[in-house]
Amino acid sequence: MENKTLILKPIKFHKIDPNKIKTLDDVIQILKRVTLHVNDEGLKGIEHLILKDDE
């Protein structure tokens, strides 16, 4: 039996122009739509924002 690899790619990437971000609401809307993952170093200062596994 042959080994077959299926590679899934996003249909299209969208880059946000930072020059078009004018308000705090713009920032909030972006953050609601983007999944972020941070390492331990990036976690410093935002621990209270992290989603717990049991939530």
PDB file of N, CA and C in Angstrom:
ATOM      1  N   MET A   1       0.845  -1.171   0.000  1.00  0.00           N
ATOM      2  CA  MET A   1       0.000   0.000   0.000  1.00  0.00           C
ATOM      3  C   MET A   1       0.896   1.241   0.000  1.00  0.00           C
ATOM      4  N   GLU A   2       0.545   2.217  -0.803  1.00  0.00           N
ATOM      5  CA  GLU A   2       1.334   3.439  -0.911  1.00  0.00           C
ATOM      6  C   GLU A   2       1.085   4.370   0.265  1.00  0.00           C
ATOM      7  N   ASN A   3       2.128   5.044   0.683  1.00  0.00           N
ATOM      8  CA  ASN A   3       1.971   6.092   1.692  1.00  0.00           C
ATOM      9  C   ASN A   3       1.584   7.377   0.982  1.00  0.00           C
ATOM     10  N   LYS A   4       0.435   7.909   1.332  1.00  0.00           N
ATOM     11  CA  LYS A   4      -0.034   9.141   0.715  1.00  0.00           C
ATOM     12  C   LYS A   4      -0.091  10.225   1.776  1.00  0.00           C
ATOM     13  N   THR A   5       0.342  11.401   1.409  1.00  0.00           N
ATOM     14  CA  THR A   5       0.325  12.538   2.317  1.00  0.00           C
ATOM     15  C   THR A   5      -0.652  13.568   1.791  1.00  0.00           C
ATOM     16  N   LEU A   6      -1.526  14.016   2.661  1.00  0.00           N
ATOM     17  CA  LEU A   6      -2.488  15.051   2.308  1.00  0.00           C
ATOM     18  C   LEU A   6      -2.062  16.332   3.012  1.00  0.00           C
ATOM     19  N   ILE A   7      -1.802  17.361   2.244  1.00  0.00           N
ATOM     20  CA  ILE A   7      -1.392  18.644   2.811  1.00  0.00           C
ATOM     21  C   ILE A   7      -2.539  19.625   2.644  1.00  0.00           C
ATOM     22  N   LEU A   8      -3.024  20.139   3.778  1.00  0.00           N
ATOM     23  CA  LEU A   8      -4.113  21.109   3.752  1.00  0.00           C
ATOM     24  C   LEU A   8      -3.541  22.502   3.967  1.00  0.00           C
ATOM     25  N   LYS A   9      -3.923  23.413   3.119  1.00  0.00           N
ATOM     26  CA  LYS A   9      -3.445  24.786   3.227  1.00  0.00           C
ATOM     27  C   LYS A   9      -4.643  25.726   3.280  1.00  0.00           C
ATOM     28  N   PRO A  10      -4.488  26.845   3.967  1.00  0.00           N
ATOM     29  CA  PRO A  10      -5.569  27.832   3.959  1.00  0.00           C
ATOM     30  C   PRO A  10      -5.822  28.309   2.530  1.00  0.00           C
ATOM     31  N   ILE A  11      -7.053  28.640   2.255  1.00  0.00           N
ATOM     32  CA  ILE A  11      -7.403  29.104   0.916  1.00  0.00           C
ATOM     33  C   ILE A  11      -6.701  30.422   0.604  1.00  0.00           C
ATOM     34  N   LYS A  12      -6.731  31.338   1.558  1.00  0.00           N
ATOM     35  CA  LYS A  12      -6.125  32.641   1.325  1.00  0.00           C
ATOM     36  C   LYS A  12      -5.680  33.245   2.652  1.00  0.00           C
ATOM     37  N   PHE A  13      -4.501  33.833   2.661  1.00  0.00           N
ATOM     38  CA  PHE A  13      -4.022  34.552   3.833  1.00  0.00           C
ATOM     39  C   PHE A  13      -4.450  36.007   3.719  1.00  0.00           C
ATOM     40  N   HIS A  14      -4.763  36.605   4.841  1.00  0.00           N
ATOM     41  CA  HIS A  14      -5.123  38.016   4.874  1.00  0.00           C
ATOM     42  C   HIS A  14      -4.174  38.725   5.821  1.00  0.00           C
ATOM     43  N   LYS A  15      -3.487  39.721   5.329  1.00  0.00           N
ATOM     44  CA  LYS A  15      -2.568  40.492   6.165  1.00  0.00           C
ATOM     45  C   LYS A  15      -3.254  41.792   6.567  1.00  0.00           C
ATOM     46  N   ILE A  16      -3.179  42.097   7.854  1.00  0.00           N
ATOM     47  CA  ILE A  16      -3.782  43.315   8.371  1.00  0.00           C
ATOM     48  C   ILE A  16      -2.771  44.449   8.239  1.00  0.00           C
ATOM     49  N   ASP A  17      -3.211  45.552   7.675  1.00  0.00           N
ATOM     50  CA  ASP A  17      -2.363  46.733   7.527  1.00  0.00           C
ATOM     51  C   ASP A  17      -2.347  47.489   8.851  1.00  0.00           C
ATOM     52  N   PRO A  18      -1.218  47.519   9.555  1.00  0.00           N
ATOM     53  CA  PRO A  18      -1.178  48.189  10.859  1.00  0.00           C
ATOM     54  C   PRO A  18      -1.483  49.680  10.774  1.00  0.00           C
ATOM     55  N   ASN A  19      -1.275  50.277   9.623  1.00  0.00           N
ATOM     56  CA  ASN A  19      -1.566  51.703   9.456  1.00  0.00           C
ATOM     57  C   ASN A  19      -3.062  51.996   9.434  1.00  0.00           C
ATOM     58  N   LYS A  20      -3.869  50.969   9.210  1.00  0.00           N
ATOM     59  CA  LYS A  20      -5.321  51.155   9.167  1.00  0.00           C
ATOM     60  C   LYS A  20      -5.984  50.936  10.520  1.00  0.00           C
ATOM     61  N   ILE A  21      -5.228  50.478  11.508  1.00  0.00           N
ATOM     62  CA  ILE A  21      -5.768  50.286  12.856  1.00  0.00           C
ATOM     63  C   ILE A  21      -5.775  51.642  13.544  1.00  0.00           C
ATOM     64  N   LYS A  22      -6.967  52.178  13.782  1.00  0.00           N
ATOM     65  CA  LYS A  22      -7.086  53.531  14.325  1.00  0.00           C
ATOM     66  C   LYS A  22      -7.676  53.580  15.726  1.00  0.00           C
ATOM     67  N   THR A  23      -8.501  52.605  16.084  1.00  0.00           N
ATOM     68  CA  THR A  23      -9.198  52.684  17.365  1.00  0.00           C
ATOM     69  C   THR A  23      -8.954  51.428  18.190  1.00  0.00           C
ATOM     70  N   LEU A  24      -9.261  51.531  19.459  1.00  0.00           N
ATOM     71  CA  LEU A  24      -9.174  50.376  20.345  1.00  0.00           C
ATOM     72  C   LEU A  24     -10.156  49.298  19.902  1.00  0.00           C
ATOM     73  N   ASP A  25     -11.298  49.697  19.375  1.00  0.00           N
ATOM     74  CA  ASP A  25     -12.273  48.723  18.880  1.00  0.00           C
ATOM     75  C   ASP A  25     -11.692  47.910  17.720  1.00  0.00           C
ATOM     76  N   ASP A  26     -10.901  48.538  16.860  1.00  0.00           N
ATOM     77  CA  ASP A  26     -10.232  47.805  15.779  1.00  0.00           C
ATOM     78  C   ASP A  26      -9.347  46.704  16.354  1.00  0.00           C
ATOM     79  N   VAL A  27      -8.583  47.035  17.377  1.00  0.00           N
ATOM     80  CA  VAL A  27      -7.679  46.069  18.012  1.00  0.00           C
ATOM     81  C   VAL A  27      -8.471  44.931  18.640  1.00  0.00           C
ATOM     82  N   ILE A  28      -9.546  45.265  19.333  1.00  0.00           N
ATOM     83  CA  ILE A  28     -10.377  44.248  19.982  1.00  0.00           C
ATOM     84  C   ILE A  28     -10.982  43.309  18.951  1.00  0.00           C
ATOM     85  N   GLN A  29     -11.477  43.839  17.845  1.00  0.00           N
ATOM     86  CA  GLN A  29     -12.070  43.003  16.802  1.00  0.00           C
ATOM     87  C   GLN A  29     -11.037  42.063  16.183  1.00  0.00           C
ATOM     88  N   ILE A  30      -9.827  42.535  15.996  1.00  0.00           N
ATOM     89  CA  ILE A  30      -8.759  41.684  15.454  1.00  0.00           C
ATOM     90  C   ILE A  30      -8.439  40.560  16.429  1.00  0.00           C
ATOM     91  N   LEU A  31      -8.260  40.899  17.704  1.00  0.00           N
ATOM     92  CA  LEU A  31      -7.895  39.893  18.703  1.00  0.00           C
ATOM     93  C   LEU A  31      -8.985  38.848  18.901  1.00  0.00           C
ATOM     94  N   LYS A  32     -10.243  39.211  18.707  1.00  0.00           N
ATOM     95  CA  LYS A  32     -11.340  38.247  18.832  1.00  0.00           C
ATOM     96  C   LYS A  32     -11.301  37.210  17.721  1.00  0.00           C
ATOM     97  N   ARG A  33     -10.729  37.559  16.592  1.00  0.00           N
ATOM     98  CA  ARG A  33     -10.746  36.675  15.428  1.00  0.00           C
ATOM     99  C   ARG A  33      -9.457  35.881  15.220  1.00  0.00           C
ATOM    100  N   VAL A  34      -8.428  36.177  15.991  1.00  0.00           N
ATOM    101  CA  VAL A  34      -7.126  35.547  15.801  1.00  0.00           C
ATOM    102  C   VAL A  34      -6.815  34.641  16.986  1.00  0.00           C
ATOM    103  N   THR A  35      -6.374  33.431  16.705  1.00  0.00           N
ATOM    104  CA  THR A  35      -5.945  32.515  17.757  1.00  0.00           C
ATOM    105  C   THR A  35      -4.471  32.769  18.038  1.00  0.00           C
ATOM    106  N   LEU A  36      -4.163  33.034  19.297  1.00  0.00           N
ATOM    107  CA  LEU A  36      -2.785  33.319  19.683  1.00  0.00           C
ATOM    108  C   LEU A  36      -2.272  32.243  20.623  1.00  0.00           C
ATOM    109  N   HIS A  37      -1.034  31.855  20.424  1.00  0.00           N
ATOM    110  CA  HIS A  37      -0.353  30.919  21.314  1.00  0.00           C
ATOM    111  C   HIS A  37       0.936  31.590  21.749  1.00  0.00           C
ATOM    112  N   VAL A  38       1.207  31.583  23.051  1.00  0.00           N
ATOM    113  CA  VAL A  38       2.428  32.213  23.560  1.00  0.00           C
ATOM    114  C   VAL A  38       3.230  31.211  24.379  1.00  0.00           C
ATOM    115  N   ASN A  39       4.544  31.403  24.382  1.00  0.00           N
ATOM    116  CA  ASN A  39       5.399  30.562  25.218  1.00  0.00           C
ATOM    117  C   ASN A  39       5.476  31.179  26.607  1.00  0.00           C
ATOM    118  N   ASP A  40       6.250  30.565  27.492  1.00  0.00           N
ATOM    119  CA  ASP A  40       6.342  31.043  28.874  1.00  0.00           C
ATOM    120  C   ASP A  40       6.877  32.469  28.956  1.00  0.00           C
ATOM    121  N   GLU A  41       7.808  32.810  28.091  1.00  0.00           N
ATOM    122  CA  GLU A  41       8.368  34.163  28.108  1.00  0.00           C
ATOM    123  C   GLU A  41       7.314  35.195  27.695  1.00  0.00           C
ATOM    124  N   GLY A  42       6.525  34.866  26.695  1.00  0.00           N
ATOM    125  CA  GLY A  42       5.481  35.775  26.233  1.00  0.00           C
ATOM    126  C   GLY A  42       4.303  35.861  27.180  1.00  0.00           C
ATOM    127  N   LEU A  43       4.214  34.938  28.107  1.00  0.00           N
ATOM    128  CA  LEU A  43       3.099  34.869  29.049  1.00  0.00           C
ATOM    129  C   LEU A  43       3.215  35.874  30.185  1.00  0.00           C
ATOM    130  N   LYS A  44       4.422  36.346  30.433  1.00  0.00           N
ATOM    131  CA  LYS A  44       4.656  37.253  31.561  1.00  0.00           C
ATOM    132  C   LYS A  44       3.818  38.520  31.411  1.00  0.00           C
ATOM    133  N   GLY A  45       3.010  38.793  32.420  1.00  0.00           N
ATOM    134  CA  GLY A  45       2.191  39.995  32.440  1.00  0.00           C
ATOM    135  C   GLY A  45       0.779  39.811  31.919  1.00  0.00           C
ATOM    136  N   ILE A  46       0.516  38.673  31.254  1.00  0.00           N
ATOM    137  CA  ILE A  46      -0.842  38.451  30.736  1.00  0.00           C
ATOM    138  C   ILE A  46      -1.442  37.146  31.263  1.00  0.00           C
ATOM    139  N   GLU A  47      -0.924  36.667  32.387  1.00  0.00           N
ATOM    140  CA  GLU A  47      -1.386  35.398  32.948  1.00  0.00           C
ATOM    141  C   GLU A  47      -2.887  35.406  33.211  1.00  0.00           C
ATOM    142  N   HIS A  48      -3.427  36.549  33.606  1.00  0.00           N
ATOM    143  CA  HIS A  48      -4.851  36.647  33.937  1.00  0.00           C
ATOM    144  C   HIS A  48      -5.743  36.523  32.696  1.00  0.00           C
ATOM    145  N   LEU A  49      -5.177  36.600  31.510  1.00  0.00           N
ATOM    146  CA  LEU A  49      -5.959  36.507  30.273  1.00  0.00           C
ATOM    147  C   LEU A  49      -5.995  35.101  29.689  1.00  0.00           C
ATOM    148  N   ILE A  50      -5.227  34.184  30.265  1.00  0.00           N
ATOM    149  CA  ILE A  50      -5.076  32.850  29.695  1.00  0.00           C
ATOM    150  C   ILE A  50      -6.287  31.981  30.007  1.00  0.00           C
ATOM    151  N   LEU A  51      -6.792  31.307  28.974  1.00  0.00           N
ATOM    152  CA  LEU A  51      -7.917  30.389  29.109  1.00  0.00           C
ATOM    153  C   LEU A  51      -7.425  29.108  29.764  1.00  0.00           C
ATOM    154  N   LYS A  52      -8.058  28.714  30.846  1.00  0.00           N
ATOM    155  CA  LYS A  52      -7.696  27.483  31.550  1.00  0.00           C
ATOM    156  C   LYS A  52      -8.346  26.297  30.839  1.00  0.00           C
ATOM    157  N   ASP A  53      -7.752  25.114  30.989  1.00  0.00           N
ATOM    158  CA  ASP A  53      -8.283  23.915  30.346  1.00  0.00           C
ATOM    159  C   ASP A  53      -9.683  23.570  30.826  1.00  0.00           C
ATOM    160  N   ASP A  54     -10.022  23.912  32.074  1.00  0.00           N
ATOM    161  CA  ASP A  54     -11.326  23.546  32.627  1.00  0.00           C
ATOM    162  C   ASP A  54     -12.397  24.609  32.375  1.00  0.00           C
ATOM    163  N   GLU A  55     -12.075  25.660  31.645  1.00  0.00           N
ATOM    164  CA  GLU A  55     -13.061  26.712  31.358  1.00  0.00           C
ATOM    165  C   GLU A  55     -13.785  26.431  30.062  1.00  0.00           C
TER     166      GLU A  55
END
